[in-house]
Amino acid sequence: MSDLNPAPALTPEEKKSKRRKDLWQLDIPLVLGLLLCGSLSVIEFQRAFDGIGRAWVYAFQWPLIGAVCCWIWYRYRTEGNVTKSFTNKWKQRVAALEAQAQAAELHNEEVKAAIEPTDPELLEWKKYVDDLQRREPPGQPPQAQ
């Protein structure tokens, strides 16, 4: 999915600076995180095979945490943000829903205008009902006169 505001082309010096920044902020933390998850996975599998039942949960938890680290790293590398594609999709969805709501509102106004009663007796009846509801609101006992 393309961004709403495409990024300008980077100069070679800016690309080199970005690669250096990505190395320190994305690549090295990923490697350290995967090393940590891998070593803890090995430790927990050893504990699980030694008979500690609770270690089985951790033995599968650490590889999943490593997979989430890889997913976050991939999202940052490709989109620069973990939530950018989600927010763009939701912004487009909200815009479409607002357009539908406006179209439905216009349609409802047109329908109301087309159905507007022209019968004088019906208009008198509606006035009477409105006056009655004003004097004696629904849901309350009638007032003594």
C-alpha atoms as a PDB file:
ATOM      1  CA  MET A   1       0.000   0.000   0.000  1.00  0.00           C
ATOM      2  CA  SER A   2       1.458   3.354  -0.947  1.00  0.00           C
ATOM      3  CA  ASP A   3       1.823   6.127   1.586  1.00  0.00           C
ATOM      4  CA  LEU A   4      -0.464   9.134   1.458  1.00  0.00           C
ATOM      5  CA  ASN A   5       2.607  11.400   1.447  1.00  0.00           C
ATOM      6  CA  PRO A   6       5.425   9.709  -0.487  1.00  0.00           C
ATOM      7  CA  ALA A   7       8.906  10.323   0.877  1.00  0.00           C
ATOM      8  CA  PRO A   8      11.267  12.407  -1.249  1.00  0.00           C
ATOM      9  CA  ALA A   9      14.249  10.695  -2.875  1.00  0.00           C
ATOM     10  CA  LEU A  10      17.285  10.504  -0.600  1.00  0.00           C
ATOM     11  CA  THR A  11      20.752  11.640  -1.579  1.00  0.00           C
ATOM     12  CA  PRO A  12      23.617   9.130  -1.242  1.00  0.00           C
ATOM     13  CA  GLU A  13      24.813  10.864   1.917  1.00  0.00           C
ATOM     14  CA  GLU A  14      21.330  10.695   3.461  1.00  0.00           C
ATOM     15  CA  LYS A  15      21.077   7.003   2.541  1.00  0.00           C
ATOM     16  CA  LYS A  16      24.403   6.313   4.259  1.00  0.00           C
ATOM     17  CA  SER A  17      23.252   8.210   7.348  1.00  0.00           C
ATOM     18  CA  LYS A  18      19.962   6.298   7.370  1.00  0.00           C
ATOM     19  CA  ARG A  19      21.774   2.950   7.063  1.00  0.00           C
ATOM     20  CA  ARG A  20      24.040   3.886   9.977  1.00  0.00           C
ATOM     21  CA  LYS A  21      21.029   4.972  12.047  1.00  0.00           C
ATOM     22  CA  ASP A  22      19.152   1.761  11.144  1.00  0.00           C
ATOM     23  CA  LEU A  23      22.198  -0.292  12.121  1.00  0.00           C
ATOM     24  CA  TRP A  24      22.278   1.188  15.633  1.00  0.00           C
ATOM     25  CA  GLN A  25      18.536   1.502  16.181  1.00  0.00           C
ATOM     26  CA  LEU A  26      17.208  -1.587  14.390  1.00  0.00           C
ATOM     27  CA  ASP A  27      19.793  -4.154  13.354  1.00  0.00           C
ATOM     28  CA  ILE A  28      21.948  -4.394  16.475  1.00  0.00           C
ATOM     29  CA  PRO A  29      18.941  -4.493  18.854  1.00  0.00           C
ATOM     30  CA  LEU A  30      17.402  -7.215  16.666  1.00  0.00           C
ATOM     31  CA  VAL A  31      20.563  -9.336  16.798  1.00  0.00           C
ATOM     32  CA  LEU A  32      20.851  -8.857  20.571  1.00  0.00           C
ATOM     33  CA  GLY A  33      17.161  -9.670  21.051  1.00  0.00           C
ATOM     34  CA  LEU A  34      17.401 -12.805  18.913  1.00  0.00           C
ATOM     35  CA  LEU A  35      20.528 -13.936  20.765  1.00  0.00           C
ATOM     36  CA  LEU A  36      18.730 -13.435  24.070  1.00  0.00           C
ATOM     37  CA  CYS A  37      15.584 -15.244  22.877  1.00  0.00           C
ATOM     38  CA  GLY A  38      17.624 -18.081  21.377  1.00  0.00           C
ATOM     39  CA  SER A  39      19.724 -18.651  24.473  1.00  0.00           C
ATOM     40  CA  LEU A  40      16.699 -18.501  26.760  1.00  0.00           C
ATOM     41  CA  SER A  41      14.887 -20.946  24.474  1.00  0.00           C
ATOM     42  CA  VAL A  42      17.756 -23.419  24.756  1.00  0.00           C
ATOM     43  CA  ILE A  43      17.871 -23.017  28.552  1.00  0.00           C
ATOM     44  CA  GLU A  44      14.104 -23.511  28.880  1.00  0.00           C
ATOM     45  CA  PHE A  45      14.102 -26.577  26.609  1.00  0.00           C
ATOM     46  CA  GLN A  46      16.859 -28.088  28.791  1.00  0.00           C
ATOM     47  CA  ARG A  47      14.824 -27.348  31.918  1.00  0.00           C
ATOM     48  CA  ALA A  48      11.705 -28.810  30.291  1.00  0.00           C
ATOM     49  CA  PHE A  49      13.522 -32.050  29.381  1.00  0.00           C
ATOM     50  CA  ASP A  50      14.818 -32.206  32.963  1.00  0.00           C
ATOM     51  CA  GLY A  51      11.227 -32.580  34.135  1.00  0.00           C
ATOM     52  CA  ILE A  52      10.145 -29.054  34.985  1.00  0.00           C
ATOM     53  CA  GLY A  53       6.675 -28.870  33.450  1.00  0.00           C
ATOM     54  CA  ARG A  54       6.313 -25.100  33.614  1.00  0.00           C
ATOM     55  CA  ALA A  55       9.437 -24.690  31.476  1.00  0.00           C
ATOM     56  CA  TRP A  56       7.562 -26.024  28.430  1.00  0.00           C
ATOM     57  CA  VAL A  57       5.545 -22.808  28.306  1.00  0.00           C
ATOM     58  CA  TYR A  58       8.695 -20.686  28.390  1.00  0.00           C
ATOM     59  CA  ALA A  59      10.402 -22.964  25.884  1.00  0.00           C
ATOM     60  CA  PHE A  60       7.787 -21.993  23.302  1.00  0.00           C
ATOM     61  CA  GLN A  61       7.323 -18.427  24.554  1.00  0.00           C
ATOM     62  CA  TRP A  62      10.863 -17.252  23.792  1.00  0.00           C
ATOM     63  CA  PRO A  63      10.831 -18.260  20.109  1.00  0.00           C
ATOM     64  CA  LEU A  64       7.501 -16.439  19.732  1.00  0.00           C
ATOM     65  CA  ILE A  65       9.002 -13.329  21.302  1.00  0.00           C
ATOM     66  CA  GLY A  66      11.885 -13.611  18.825  1.00  0.00           C
ATOM     67  CA  ALA A  67       9.388 -13.869  15.944  1.00  0.00           C
ATOM     68  CA  VAL A  68       7.611 -10.722  17.167  1.00  0.00           C
ATOM     69  CA  CYS A  69      10.996  -8.959  17.299  1.00  0.00           C
ATOM     70  CA  CYS A  70      11.591  -9.937  13.663  1.00  0.00           C
ATOM     71  CA  TRP A  71       8.130  -8.711  12.654  1.00  0.00           C
ATOM     72  CA  ILE A  72       8.656  -5.347  14.361  1.00  0.00           C
ATOM     73  CA  TRP A  73      12.100  -5.013  12.772  1.00  0.00           C
ATOM     74  CA  TYR A  74      10.614  -5.779   9.324  1.00  0.00           C
ATOM     75  CA  ARG A  75       7.802  -3.243   9.769  1.00  0.00           C
ATOM     76  CA  TYR A  76      10.228  -0.502  10.820  1.00  0.00           C
ATOM     77  CA  ARG A  77      12.559  -1.297   7.913  1.00  0.00           C
ATOM     78  CA  THR A  78       9.829  -1.303   5.261  1.00  0.00           C
ATOM     79  CA  GLU A  79       7.435   1.373   6.545  1.00  0.00           C
ATOM     80  CA  GLY A  80       9.388   3.343   9.112  1.00  0.00           C
ATOM     81  CA  ASN A  81       6.685   2.706  11.677  1.00  0.00           C
ATOM     82  CA  VAL A  82       4.907  -0.324  13.076  1.00  0.00           C
ATOM     83  CA  THR A  83       1.435   1.230  12.876  1.00  0.00           C
ATOM     84  CA  LYS A  84       1.662   3.381   9.740  1.00  0.00           C
ATOM     85  CA  SER A  85      -0.121   0.944   7.434  1.00  0.00           C
ATOM     86  CA  PHE A  86      -2.816   0.309  10.036  1.00  0.00           C
ATOM     87  CA  THR A  87      -3.485   4.017  10.529  1.00  0.00           C
ATOM     88  CA  ASN A  88      -3.559   4.651   6.775  1.00  0.00           C
ATOM     89  CA  LYS A  89      -6.098   1.854   6.298  1.00  0.00           C
ATOM     90  CA  TRP A  90      -8.263   3.175   9.130  1.00  0.00           C
ATOM     91  CA  LYS A  91      -8.086   6.753   7.813  1.00  0.00           C
ATOM     92  CA  GLN A  92      -9.278   5.535   4.421  1.00  0.00           C
ATOM     93  CA  ARG A  93     -12.030   3.480   6.033  1.00  0.00           C
ATOM     94  CA  VAL A  94     -13.217   6.417   8.156  1.00  0.00           C
ATOM     95  CA  ALA A  95     -13.247   8.696   5.089  1.00  0.00           C
ATOM     96  CA  ALA A  96     -15.322   6.132   3.166  1.00  0.00           C
ATOM     97  CA  LEU A  97     -17.763   5.716   6.062  1.00  0.00           C
ATOM     98  CA  GLU A  98     -18.129   9.494   6.421  1.00  0.00           C
ATOM     99  CA  ALA A  99     -18.865   9.786   2.699  1.00  0.00           C
ATOM    100  CA  GLN A 100     -21.493   7.032   2.997  1.00  0.00           C
ATOM    101  CA  ALA A 101     -23.062   8.748   6.016  1.00  0.00           C
ATOM    102  CA  GLN A 102     -23.264  12.074   4.173  1.00  0.00           C
ATOM    103  CA  ALA A 103     -24.820  10.398   1.136  1.00  0.00           C
ATOM    104  CA  ALA A 104     -27.350   8.592   3.354  1.00  0.00           C
ATOM    105  CA  GLU A 105     -28.179  11.846   5.147  1.00  0.00           C
ATOM    106  CA  LEU A 106     -28.823  13.621   1.848  1.00  0.00           C
ATOM    107  CA  HIS A 107     -30.946  10.688   0.688  1.00  0.00           C
ATOM    108  CA  ASN A 108     -32.972  10.764   3.936  1.00  0.00           C
ATOM    109  CA  GLU A 109     -33.634  14.497   3.537  1.00  0.00           C
ATOM    110  CA  GLU A 110     -34.807  13.935  -0.035  1.00  0.00           C
ATOM    111  CA  VAL A 111     -37.098  11.112   1.095  1.00  0.00           C
ATOM    112  CA  LYS A 112     -38.538  13.246   3.907  1.00  0.00           C
ATOM    113  CA  ALA A 113     -39.201  16.089   1.485  1.00  0.00           C
ATOM    114  CA  ALA A 114     -40.933  13.707  -0.935  1.00  0.00           C
ATOM    115  CA  ILE A 115     -43.104  12.148   1.769  1.00  0.00           C
ATOM    116  CA  GLU A 116     -44.022  15.416   3.492  1.00  0.00           C
ATOM    117  CA  PRO A 117     -47.777  15.311   4.028  1.00  0.00           C
ATOM    118  CA  THR A 118     -49.977  17.758   2.192  1.00  0.00           C
ATOM    119  CA  ASP A 119     -53.262  16.585   3.711  1.00  0.00           C
ATOM    120  CA  PRO A 120     -54.616  19.457   5.895  1.00  0.00           C
ATOM    121  CA  GLU A 121     -56.432  17.083   8.264  1.00  0.00           C
ATOM    122  CA  LEU A 122     -53.218  15.106   8.833  1.00  0.00           C
ATOM    123  CA  LEU A 123     -51.318  18.320   9.571  1.00  0.00           C
ATOM    124  CA  GLU A 124     -54.019  19.360  12.090  1.00  0.00           C
ATOM    125  CA  TRP A 125     -53.801  15.911  13.720  1.00  0.00           C
ATOM    126  CA  LYS A 126     -49.992  16.226  14.049  1.00  0.00           C
ATOM    127  CA  LYS A 127     -50.376  19.691  15.612  1.00  0.00           C
ATOM    128  CA  TYR A 128     -52.918  18.285  18.072  1.00  0.00           C
ATOM    129  CA  VAL A 129     -50.619  15.385  19.037  1.00  0.00           C
ATOM    130  CA  ASP A 130     -47.644  17.740  19.478  1.00  0.00           C
ATOM    131  CA  ASP A 131     -49.728  20.050  21.679  1.00  0.00           C
ATOM    132  CA  LEU A 132     -51.034  17.104  23.702  1.00  0.00           C
ATOM    133  CA  GLN A 133     -47.496  15.757  24.252  1.00  0.00           C
ATOM    134  CA  ARG A 134     -46.349  19.225  25.321  1.00  0.00           C
ATOM    135  CA  ARG A 135     -49.198  19.583  27.849  1.00  0.00           C
ATOM    136  CA  GLU A 136     -49.114  15.974  29.062  1.00  0.00           C
ATOM    137  CA  PRO A 137     -45.711  14.404  28.323  1.00  0.00           C
ATOM    138  CA  PRO A 138     -45.763  10.665  27.644  1.00  0.00           C
ATOM    139  CA  GLY A 139     -44.883   8.441  30.581  1.00  0.00           C
ATOM    140  CA  GLN A 140     -46.420  10.742  33.199  1.00  0.00           C
ATOM    141  CA  PRO A 141     -49.874  10.541  34.731  1.00  0.00           C
ATOM    142  CA  PRO A 142     -52.399  13.002  33.339  1.00  0.00           C
ATOM    143  CA  GLN A 143     -52.617  16.250  35.241  1.00  0.00           C
ATOM    144  CA  ALA A 144     -55.842  17.008  37.081  1.00  0.00           C
ATOM    145  CA  GLN A 145     -57.733  19.975  35.671  1.00  0.00           C
END
